[in-house]
Amino acid sequence: MERLQKYLSRCGVASRRHAEQMILGGRVCVNGRIIHEMGVQVDEARDSVTVDGKPVLPSPDKVYYMLNKPQAVVTTCEDPQGRKTVLDLLPKELRIYPVGRLDYMTEGLLLLTNDGELANRMAHPKYKISKRYLVFVRGFLTDKMIQTLQRGIALEDGPTMPAKLELLERDASQSTFYLTIFEGRNRQVRRMCEAIGLPVLRLRRVQVGFLQLGDLPAGKYRPLTVKEVKQLRKLLCGQEGPP
C-alpha cells in the first residue's frame, strides 16, 4: 500500500506536488470513486486508478532527459492558457514530467523523468543541489552588490542561502555574471537581483549539480547517459543502480 500521490508520481503521471493538485481538483479516481482528499492509500495489485478517465499503471522503465528550455515556454505538463509547455518539445510517447521548474522567460537546463523518488530528492532542500545560472542584468554590479548576493539576501519568504558569484563583465549599462545557488525557490535569481536594484535582462540555467547544459541547442533534448544516471542516483540515493 502507498499514498495515492506517491503512486501517481511513481507511475510518471506528475511530480508528487502536481499529483496532489490533481487529486484536489477531482481528476483522480480510485475504483471508480473520485478522490478529493489526501491520505488515500492504494494497492497497485488490487486497485484501479485513473486520471481524467485514463488508467494509470506503473512505468516499466525509468527514463531521464535533459532539455534546453527556450524562453516563452512553461514548465508544466499542461497549461490552461494554451501556452507551449516543455512536454510539447518532447516525443508524445514519453510519459515524463519536469524536475522543479524554470519560469516562463528563463531558459536553460531542465531535467525531466518518470522517476518520482529521484525527482522528489532533487527538489528537497536538504540535498542542496547546486544550480548555476548565467545572468545578464541592467546596470553596474558593484563590489558591494557582489558581497550582498554571496552572503544571502532577505526576501519576502525569508533570507536566501549564501551563493557563489563569478563576474564576467560589467559597465554602466549592463553586467554579466554566473550565480550559483543551492535552493529552488520561485523566481529566486530574478528576485535576488531585483532586491539589489538590477533587473534581469536574460537568465539561463547552465548547470544542475554536476550536469552541464554544454552545447545542447535551445529547444532540444537528450537522454542522460548511463554514467550520468548512476552518478545522480549515487548522489541522491546513496547507490548507483539500476540506471
C-alpha atoms as a PDB file:
ATOM      1  CA  MET A   1       0.000   0.000   0.000  1.00  0.00           C
ATOM      2  CA  GLU A   2       1.172   3.538  -0.702  1.00  0.00           C
ATOM      3  CA  ARG A   3      -0.249   7.021  -0.747  1.00  0.00           C
ATOM      4  CA  LEU A   4      -2.128   7.906  -3.905  1.00  0.00           C
ATOM      5  CA  GLN A   5       0.014  10.944  -4.765  1.00  0.00           C
ATOM      6  CA  LYS A   6       3.186   8.868  -4.387  1.00  0.00           C
ATOM      7  CA  TYR A   7       1.744   6.167  -6.646  1.00  0.00           C
ATOM      8  CA  LEU A   8       0.895   8.757  -9.333  1.00  0.00           C
ATOM      9  CA  SER A   9       4.412  10.151  -9.105  1.00  0.00           C
ATOM     10  CA  ARG A  10       5.987   6.683  -9.324  1.00  0.00           C
ATOM     11  CA  CYS A  11       3.901   5.930 -12.412  1.00  0.00           C
ATOM     12  CA  GLY A  12       5.287   9.004 -14.158  1.00  0.00           C
ATOM     13  CA  VAL A  13       1.998  10.930 -14.217  1.00  0.00           C
ATOM     14  CA  ALA A  14       3.338  14.034 -12.464  1.00  0.00           C
ATOM     15  CA  SER A  15       5.528  15.182  -9.628  1.00  0.00           C
ATOM     16  CA  ARG A  16       4.147  14.434  -6.184  1.00  0.00           C
ATOM     17  CA  ARG A  17       3.168  18.076  -5.681  1.00  0.00           C
ATOM     18  CA  HIS A  18       1.342  18.245  -9.012  1.00  0.00           C
ATOM     19  CA  ALA A  19      -0.304  14.891  -8.264  1.00  0.00           C
ATOM     20  CA  GLU A  20      -1.712  16.391  -5.074  1.00  0.00           C
ATOM     21  CA  GLN A  21      -3.178  19.249  -7.121  1.00  0.00           C
ATOM     22  CA  MET A  22      -4.759  16.720  -9.473  1.00  0.00           C
ATOM     23  CA  ILE A  23      -6.371  14.924  -6.537  1.00  0.00           C
ATOM     24  CA  LEU A  24      -7.703  18.141  -5.022  1.00  0.00           C
ATOM     25  CA  GLY A  25      -9.048  19.084  -8.446  1.00  0.00           C
ATOM     26  CA  GLY A  26     -11.137  15.915  -8.624  1.00  0.00           C
ATOM     27  CA  ARG A  27      -9.251  14.468 -11.593  1.00  0.00           C
ATOM     28  CA  VAL A  28      -8.260  11.183  -9.927  1.00  0.00           C
ATOM     29  CA  CYS A  29     -10.481   8.145  -9.362  1.00  0.00           C
ATOM     30  CA  VAL A  30      -9.770   5.002  -7.355  1.00  0.00           C
ATOM     31  CA  ASN A  31     -12.014   2.067  -8.211  1.00  0.00           C
ATOM     32  CA  GLY A  32     -14.435   4.430  -9.916  1.00  0.00           C
ATOM     33  CA  ARG A  33     -14.697   6.848  -6.976  1.00  0.00           C
ATOM     34  CA  ILE A  34     -13.468  10.429  -7.362  1.00  0.00           C
ATOM     35  CA  ILE A  35     -10.890  11.271  -4.705  1.00  0.00           C
ATOM     36  CA  HIS A  36     -10.801  14.798  -3.295  1.00  0.00           C
ATOM     37  CA  GLU A  37      -8.681  14.363  -0.159  1.00  0.00           C
ATOM     38  CA  MET A  38      -5.106  13.485   0.713  1.00  0.00           C
ATOM     39  CA  GLY A  39      -4.129  10.347   2.597  1.00  0.00           C
ATOM     40  CA  VAL A  40      -5.851   7.731   0.428  1.00  0.00           C
ATOM     41  CA  GLN A  41      -3.837   4.509   0.206  1.00  0.00           C
ATOM     42  CA  VAL A  42      -3.805   2.319  -2.907  1.00  0.00           C
ATOM     43  CA  ASP A  43      -2.591  -1.171  -3.733  1.00  0.00           C
ATOM     44  CA  GLU A  44      -1.447  -1.404  -7.348  1.00  0.00           C
ATOM     45  CA  ALA A  45      -2.289  -5.137  -7.406  1.00  0.00           C
ATOM     46  CA  ARG A  46      -5.935  -4.629  -6.407  1.00  0.00           C
ATOM     47  CA  ASP A  47      -6.949  -1.011  -7.024  1.00  0.00           C
ATOM     48  CA  SER A  48      -7.838   0.660 -10.323  1.00  0.00           C
ATOM     49  CA  VAL A  49      -6.540   4.233 -10.596  1.00  0.00           C
ATOM     50  CA  THR A  50      -7.445   6.669 -13.371  1.00  0.00           C
ATOM     51  CA  VAL A  51      -6.593  10.301 -14.133  1.00  0.00           C
ATOM     52  CA  ASP A  52      -9.061  12.132 -16.371  1.00  0.00           C
ATOM     53  CA  GLY A  53     -10.583   8.737 -17.142  1.00  0.00           C
ATOM     54  CA  LYS A  54      -7.309   7.180 -18.331  1.00  0.00           C
ATOM     55  CA  PRO A  55      -5.824   4.176 -16.465  1.00  0.00           C
ATOM     56  CA  VAL A  56      -2.631   4.773 -14.519  1.00  0.00           C
ATOM     57  CA  LEU A  57      -0.100   1.942 -14.461  1.00  0.00           C
ATOM     58  CA  PRO A  58       3.476   1.813 -13.173  1.00  0.00           C
ATOM     59  CA  SER A  59       6.105   2.793 -15.732  1.00  0.00           C
ATOM     60  CA  PRO A  60       8.145  -0.298 -16.619  1.00  0.00           C
ATOM     61  CA  ASP A  61      11.376   1.652 -17.190  1.00  0.00           C
ATOM     62  CA  LYS A  62      12.817   4.777 -15.624  1.00  0.00           C
ATOM     63  CA  VAL A  63      13.948   7.404 -18.117  1.00  0.00           C
ATOM     64  CA  TYR A  64      15.915  10.611 -17.615  1.00  0.00           C
ATOM     65  CA  TYR A  65      16.202  13.528 -20.045  1.00  0.00           C
ATOM     66  CA  MET A  66      17.926  16.899 -20.188  1.00  0.00           C
ATOM     67  CA  LEU A  67      16.179  19.707 -22.084  1.00  0.00           C
ATOM     68  CA  ASN A  68      17.469  23.141 -23.062  1.00  0.00           C
ATOM     69  CA  LYS A  69      14.266  25.053 -22.315  1.00  0.00           C
ATOM     70  CA  PRO A  70      13.753  28.116 -24.542  1.00  0.00           C
ATOM     71  CA  GLN A  71      12.134  31.352 -23.432  1.00  0.00           C
ATOM     72  CA  ALA A  72       8.322  31.665 -23.594  1.00  0.00           C
ATOM     73  CA  VAL A  73       7.709  28.022 -22.646  1.00  0.00           C
ATOM     74  CA  VAL A  74       6.018  26.996 -19.385  1.00  0.00           C
ATOM     75  CA  THR A  75       7.495  24.320 -17.151  1.00  0.00           C
ATOM     76  CA  THR A  76       4.315  22.325 -16.635  1.00  0.00           C
ATOM     77  CA  CYS A  77       2.712  19.239 -18.138  1.00  0.00           C
ATOM     78  CA  GLU A  78      -0.273  21.273 -19.333  1.00  0.00           C
ATOM     79  CA  ASP A  79      -1.251  24.930 -19.407  1.00  0.00           C
ATOM     80  CA  PRO A  80      -4.833  26.227 -19.064  1.00  0.00           C
ATOM     81  CA  GLN A  81      -3.849  29.335 -21.049  1.00  0.00           C
ATOM     82  CA  GLY A  82      -2.809  27.234 -24.023  1.00  0.00           C
ATOM     83  CA  ARG A  83       0.841  28.244 -23.963  1.00  0.00           C
ATOM     84  CA  LYS A  84       3.568  25.887 -25.176  1.00  0.00           C
ATOM     85  CA  THR A  85       4.816  23.570 -22.418  1.00  0.00           C
ATOM     86  CA  VAL A  86       8.119  21.752 -22.065  1.00  0.00           C
ATOM     87  CA  LEU A  87       6.350  18.466 -22.865  1.00  0.00           C
ATOM     88  CA  ASP A  88       5.433  19.889 -26.284  1.00  0.00           C
ATOM     89  CA  LEU A  89       9.158  19.816 -27.072  1.00  0.00           C
ATOM     90  CA  LEU A  90       9.493  16.080 -26.403  1.00  0.00           C
ATOM     91  CA  PRO A  91       8.092  12.975 -28.127  1.00  0.00           C
ATOM     92  CA  LYS A  92       4.439  12.368 -27.252  1.00  0.00           C
ATOM     93  CA  GLU A  93       5.111   8.782 -26.170  1.00  0.00           C
ATOM     94  CA  LEU A  94       7.388   9.896 -23.326  1.00  0.00           C
ATOM     95  CA  ARG A  95       5.421   9.948 -20.063  1.00  0.00           C
ATOM     96  CA  ILE A  96       7.741  12.165 -18.055  1.00  0.00           C
ATOM     97  CA  TYR A  97       7.480  15.397 -16.103  1.00  0.00           C
ATOM     98  CA  PRO A  98       9.856  18.217 -15.185  1.00  0.00           C
ATOM     99  CA  VAL A  99      12.026  18.166 -12.070  1.00  0.00           C
ATOM    100  CA  GLY A 100      11.446  21.581 -10.478  1.00  0.00           C
ATOM    101  CA  ARG A 101      10.772  24.449 -12.828  1.00  0.00           C
ATOM    102  CA  LEU A 102      12.150  27.378 -14.762  1.00  0.00           C
ATOM    103  CA  ASP A 103       9.892  30.405 -15.108  1.00  0.00           C
ATOM    104  CA  TYR A 104       8.335  31.443 -18.419  1.00  0.00           C
ATOM    105  CA  MET A 105      11.178  33.660 -19.682  1.00  0.00           C
ATOM    106  CA  THR A 106      14.067  31.748 -18.102  1.00  0.00           C
ATOM    107  CA  GLU A 107      15.904  29.372 -20.403  1.00  0.00           C
ATOM    108  CA  GLY A 108      18.386  26.575 -19.963  1.00  0.00           C
ATOM    109  CA  LEU A 109      18.886  23.200 -18.338  1.00  0.00           C
ATOM    110  CA  LEU A 110      15.783  21.346 -17.192  1.00  0.00           C
ATOM    111  CA  LEU A 111      15.635  17.706 -16.138  1.00  0.00           C
ATOM    112  CA  LEU A 112      12.613  15.526 -16.888  1.00  0.00           C
ATOM    113  CA  THR A 113      11.943  11.969 -15.682  1.00  0.00           C
ATOM    114  CA  ASN A 114       9.344   9.431 -14.634  1.00  0.00           C
ATOM    115  CA  ASP A 115      11.416   8.517 -11.570  1.00  0.00           C
ATOM    116  CA  GLY A 116       9.294  10.111  -8.848  1.00  0.00           C
ATOM    117  CA  GLU A 117      11.598   9.263  -5.965  1.00  0.00           C
ATOM    118  CA  LEU A 118      14.680  10.750  -7.616  1.00  0.00           C
ATOM    119  CA  ALA A 119      12.713  13.851  -8.653  1.00  0.00           C
ATOM    120  CA  ASN A 120      11.495  14.406  -5.092  1.00  0.00           C
ATOM    121  CA  ARG A 121      15.010  14.057  -3.720  1.00  0.00           C
ATOM    122  CA  MET A 122      16.388  16.552  -6.238  1.00  0.00           C
ATOM    123  CA  ALA A 123      13.770  19.091  -5.184  1.00  0.00           C
ATOM    124  CA  HIS A 124      14.268  18.510  -1.448  1.00  0.00           C
ATOM    125  CA  PRO A 125      16.214  21.367   0.194  1.00  0.00           C
ATOM    126  CA  LYS A 126      18.261  19.036   2.407  1.00  0.00           C
ATOM    127  CA  TYR A 127      20.291  17.825  -0.599  1.00  0.00           C
ATOM    128  CA  LYS A 128      21.298  21.400  -1.520  1.00  0.00           C
ATOM    129  CA  ILE A 129      21.698  20.602  -5.211  1.00  0.00           C
ATOM    130  CA  SER A 130      23.589  23.472  -6.824  1.00  0.00           C
ATOM    131  CA  LYS A 131      22.082  25.387  -9.743  1.00  0.00           C
ATOM    132  CA  ARG A 132      24.341  27.630 -11.829  1.00  0.00           C
ATOM    133  CA  TYR A 133      22.893  30.481 -13.891  1.00  0.00           C
ATOM    134  CA  LEU A 134      24.305  32.831 -16.492  1.00  0.00           C
ATOM    135  CA  VAL A 135      22.795  36.194 -15.531  1.00  0.00           C
ATOM    136  CA  PHE A 136      22.514  39.387 -17.583  1.00  0.00           C
ATOM    137  CA  VAL A 137      21.315  42.426 -15.615  1.00  0.00           C
ATOM    138  CA  ARG A 138      20.736  46.087 -16.405  1.00  0.00           C
ATOM    139  CA  GLY A 139      23.175  48.349 -14.577  1.00  0.00           C
ATOM    140  CA  PHE A 140      26.591  48.227 -12.915  1.00  0.00           C
ATOM    141  CA  LEU A 141      27.166  45.375 -10.452  1.00  0.00           C
ATOM    142  CA  THR A 142      29.260  46.913  -7.671  1.00  0.00           C
ATOM    143  CA  ASP A 143      31.619  45.012  -5.385  1.00  0.00           C
ATOM    144  CA  LYS A 144      29.235  45.661  -2.513  1.00  0.00           C
ATOM    145  CA  MET A 145      26.359  44.135  -4.510  1.00  0.00           C
ATOM    146  CA  ILE A 146      28.510  41.075  -5.207  1.00  0.00           C
ATOM    147  CA  GLN A 147      29.153  40.626  -1.487  1.00  0.00           C
ATOM    148  CA  THR A 148      25.433  41.024  -0.750  1.00  0.00           C
ATOM    149  CA  LEU A 149      24.469  38.334  -3.258  1.00  0.00           C
ATOM    150  CA  GLN A 150      27.150  35.998  -1.946  1.00  0.00           C
ATOM    151  CA  ARG A 151      26.131  36.429   1.704  1.00  0.00           C
ATOM    152  CA  GLY A 152      22.430  35.979   1.027  1.00  0.00           C
ATOM    153  CA  ILE A 153      19.518  38.381   0.658  1.00  0.00           C
ATOM    154  CA  ALA A 154      16.418  38.859   2.787  1.00  0.00           C
ATOM    155  CA  LEU A 155      13.434  38.143   0.543  1.00  0.00           C
ATOM    156  CA  GLU A 156       9.752  38.168   1.468  1.00  0.00           C
ATOM    157  CA  ASP A 157       9.844  34.391   2.017  1.00  0.00           C
ATOM    158  CA  GLY A 158      12.999  34.510   4.149  1.00  0.00           C
ATOM    159  CA  PRO A 159      16.736  35.002   3.686  1.00  0.00           C
ATOM    160  CA  THR A 160      18.492  33.138   0.884  1.00  0.00           C
ATOM    161  CA  MET A 161      21.380  30.801   1.486  1.00  0.00           C
ATOM    162  CA  PRO A 162      24.906  32.020   0.631  1.00  0.00           C
ATOM    163  CA  ALA A 163      25.579  31.933  -3.107  1.00  0.00           C
ATOM    164  CA  LYS A 164      28.645  31.865  -5.352  1.00  0.00           C
ATOM    165  CA  LEU A 165      29.271  34.573  -7.956  1.00  0.00           C
ATOM    166  CA  GLU A 166      31.728  34.760 -10.837  1.00  0.00           C
ATOM    167  CA  LEU A 167      31.845  38.161 -12.539  1.00  0.00           C
ATOM    168  CA  LEU A 168      32.291  38.101 -16.311  1.00  0.00           C
ATOM    169  CA  GLU A 169      31.928  41.768 -17.291  1.00  0.00           C
ATOM    170  CA  ARG A 170      30.311  44.978 -16.147  1.00  0.00           C
ATOM    171  CA  ASP A 171      29.820  48.544 -17.292  1.00  0.00           C
ATOM    172  CA  ALA A 172      27.374  51.345 -16.629  1.00  0.00           C
ATOM    173  CA  SER A 173      24.644  49.801 -18.774  1.00  0.00           C
ATOM    174  CA  GLN A 174      24.914  46.044 -18.179  1.00  0.00           C
ATOM    175  CA  SER A 175      26.643  43.384 -16.090  1.00  0.00           C
ATOM    176  CA  THR A 176      27.087  39.672 -16.767  1.00  0.00           C
ATOM    177  CA  PHE A 177      27.978  37.007 -14.228  1.00  0.00           C
ATOM    178  CA  TYR A 178      27.496  33.398 -13.153  1.00  0.00           C
ATOM    179  CA  LEU A 179      25.448  32.891  -9.993  1.00  0.00           C
ATOM    180  CA  THR A 180      25.286  29.535  -8.220  1.00  0.00           C
ATOM    181  CA  ILE A 181      22.500  28.968  -5.697  1.00  0.00           C
ATOM    182  CA  PHE A 182      21.637  25.972  -3.540  1.00  0.00           C
ATOM    183  CA  GLU A 183      17.865  26.388  -3.280  1.00  0.00           C
ATOM    184  CA  GLY A 184      14.939  26.180  -5.658  1.00  0.00           C
ATOM    185  CA  ARG A 185      12.582  28.994  -4.731  1.00  0.00           C
ATOM    186  CA  ASN A 186      10.187  30.529  -7.226  1.00  0.00           C
ATOM    187  CA  ARG A 187      11.965  33.152  -9.390  1.00  0.00           C
ATOM    188  CA  GLN A 188      14.781  33.240  -6.838  1.00  0.00           C
ATOM    189  CA  VAL A 189      17.597  34.596  -9.014  1.00  0.00           C
ATOM    190  CA  ARG A 190      15.363  37.282 -10.508  1.00  0.00           C
ATOM    191  CA  ARG A 191      14.149  38.336  -7.054  1.00  0.00           C
ATOM    192  CA  MET A 192      17.699  38.448  -5.670  1.00  0.00           C
ATOM    193  CA  CYS A 193      18.786  40.751  -8.490  1.00  0.00           C
ATOM    194  CA  GLU A 194      15.697  42.928  -8.135  1.00  0.00           C
ATOM    195  CA  ALA A 195      16.478  43.273  -4.417  1.00  0.00           C
ATOM    196  CA  ILE A 196      19.816  44.965  -5.222  1.00  0.00           C
ATOM    197  CA  GLY A 197      18.239  47.174  -7.879  1.00  0.00           C
ATOM    198  CA  LEU A 198      19.480  45.381 -11.005  1.00  0.00           C
ATOM    199  CA  PRO A 199      16.623  43.932 -13.099  1.00  0.00           C
ATOM    200  CA  VAL A 200      17.382  40.752 -15.029  1.00  0.00           C
ATOM    201  CA  LEU A 201      17.571  41.125 -18.805  1.00  0.00           C
ATOM    202  CA  ARG A 202      18.200  37.475 -19.582  1.00  0.00           C
ATOM    203  CA  LEU A 203      18.610  34.352 -17.472  1.00  0.00           C
ATOM    204  CA  ARG A 204      19.918  30.922 -18.455  1.00  0.00           C
ATOM    205  CA  ARG A 205      20.493  27.915 -16.201  1.00  0.00           C
ATOM    206  CA  VAL A 206      23.674  26.214 -17.373  1.00  0.00           C
ATOM    207  CA  GLN A 207      24.256  23.562 -14.711  1.00  0.00           C
ATOM    208  CA  VAL A 208      22.388  21.471 -12.111  1.00  0.00           C
ATOM    209  CA  GLY A 209      24.686  19.609  -9.736  1.00  0.00           C
ATOM    210  CA  PHE A 210      27.355  18.027 -11.941  1.00  0.00           C
ATOM    211  CA  LEU A 211      25.131  18.073 -15.052  1.00  0.00           C
ATOM    212  CA  GLN A 212      26.070  20.781 -17.551  1.00  0.00           C
ATOM    213  CA  LEU A 213      23.998  22.143 -20.428  1.00  0.00           C
ATOM    214  CA  GLY A 214      27.025  22.245 -22.724  1.00  0.00           C
ATOM    215  CA  ASP A 215      26.265  22.904 -26.396  1.00  0.00           C
ATOM    216  CA  LEU A 216      22.741  21.449 -26.382  1.00  0.00           C
ATOM    217  CA  PRO A 217      20.731  23.794 -28.664  1.00  0.00           C
ATOM    218  CA  ALA A 218      17.673  25.677 -27.372  1.00  0.00           C
ATOM    219  CA  GLY A 219      14.515  23.565 -27.624  1.00  0.00           C
ATOM    220  CA  LYS A 220      16.476  20.314 -27.978  1.00  0.00           C
ATOM    221  CA  TYR A 221      16.803  17.423 -25.548  1.00  0.00           C
ATOM    222  CA  ARG A 222      18.916  14.357 -24.928  1.00  0.00           C
ATOM    223  CA  PRO A 223      18.703  11.330 -22.627  1.00  0.00           C
ATOM    224  CA  LEU A 224      21.137  11.261 -19.747  1.00  0.00           C
ATOM    225  CA  THR A 225      23.941   8.758 -20.184  1.00  0.00           C
ATOM    226  CA  VAL A 226      24.087   5.615 -18.055  1.00  0.00           C
ATOM    227  CA  LYS A 227      27.085   7.120 -16.268  1.00  0.00           C
ATOM    228  CA  GLU A 228      25.175  10.351 -15.506  1.00  0.00           C
ATOM    229  CA  VAL A 229      22.168   8.448 -14.151  1.00  0.00           C
ATOM    230  CA  LYS A 230      24.376   6.286 -11.939  1.00  0.00           C
ATOM    231  CA  GLN A 231      26.138   9.381 -10.616  1.00  0.00           C
ATOM    232  CA  LEU A 232      22.783  11.070  -9.928  1.00  0.00           C
ATOM    233  CA  ARG A 233      21.450   8.048  -8.070  1.00  0.00           C
ATOM    234  CA  LYS A 234      24.650   7.770  -6.059  1.00  0.00           C
ATOM    235  CA  LEU A 235      24.454  11.465  -5.162  1.00  0.00           C
ATOM    236  CA  LEU A 236      20.776  11.379  -4.126  1.00  0.00           C
ATOM    237  CA  CYS A 237      20.112   7.807  -3.082  1.00  0.00           C
ATOM    238  CA  GLY A 238      23.488   6.578  -1.862  1.00  0.00           C
ATOM    239  CA  GLN A 239      23.554   3.851  -4.525  1.00  0.00           C
ATOM    240  CA  GLU A 240      24.219   3.562  -8.224  1.00  0.00           C
ATOM    241  CA  GLY A 241      21.706   1.364  -9.913  1.00  0.00           C
ATOM    242  CA  PRO A 242      19.857   0.237 -11.678  1.00  0.00           C
ATOM    243  CA  PRO A 243      20.083   3.165 -14.130  1.00  0.00           C
END
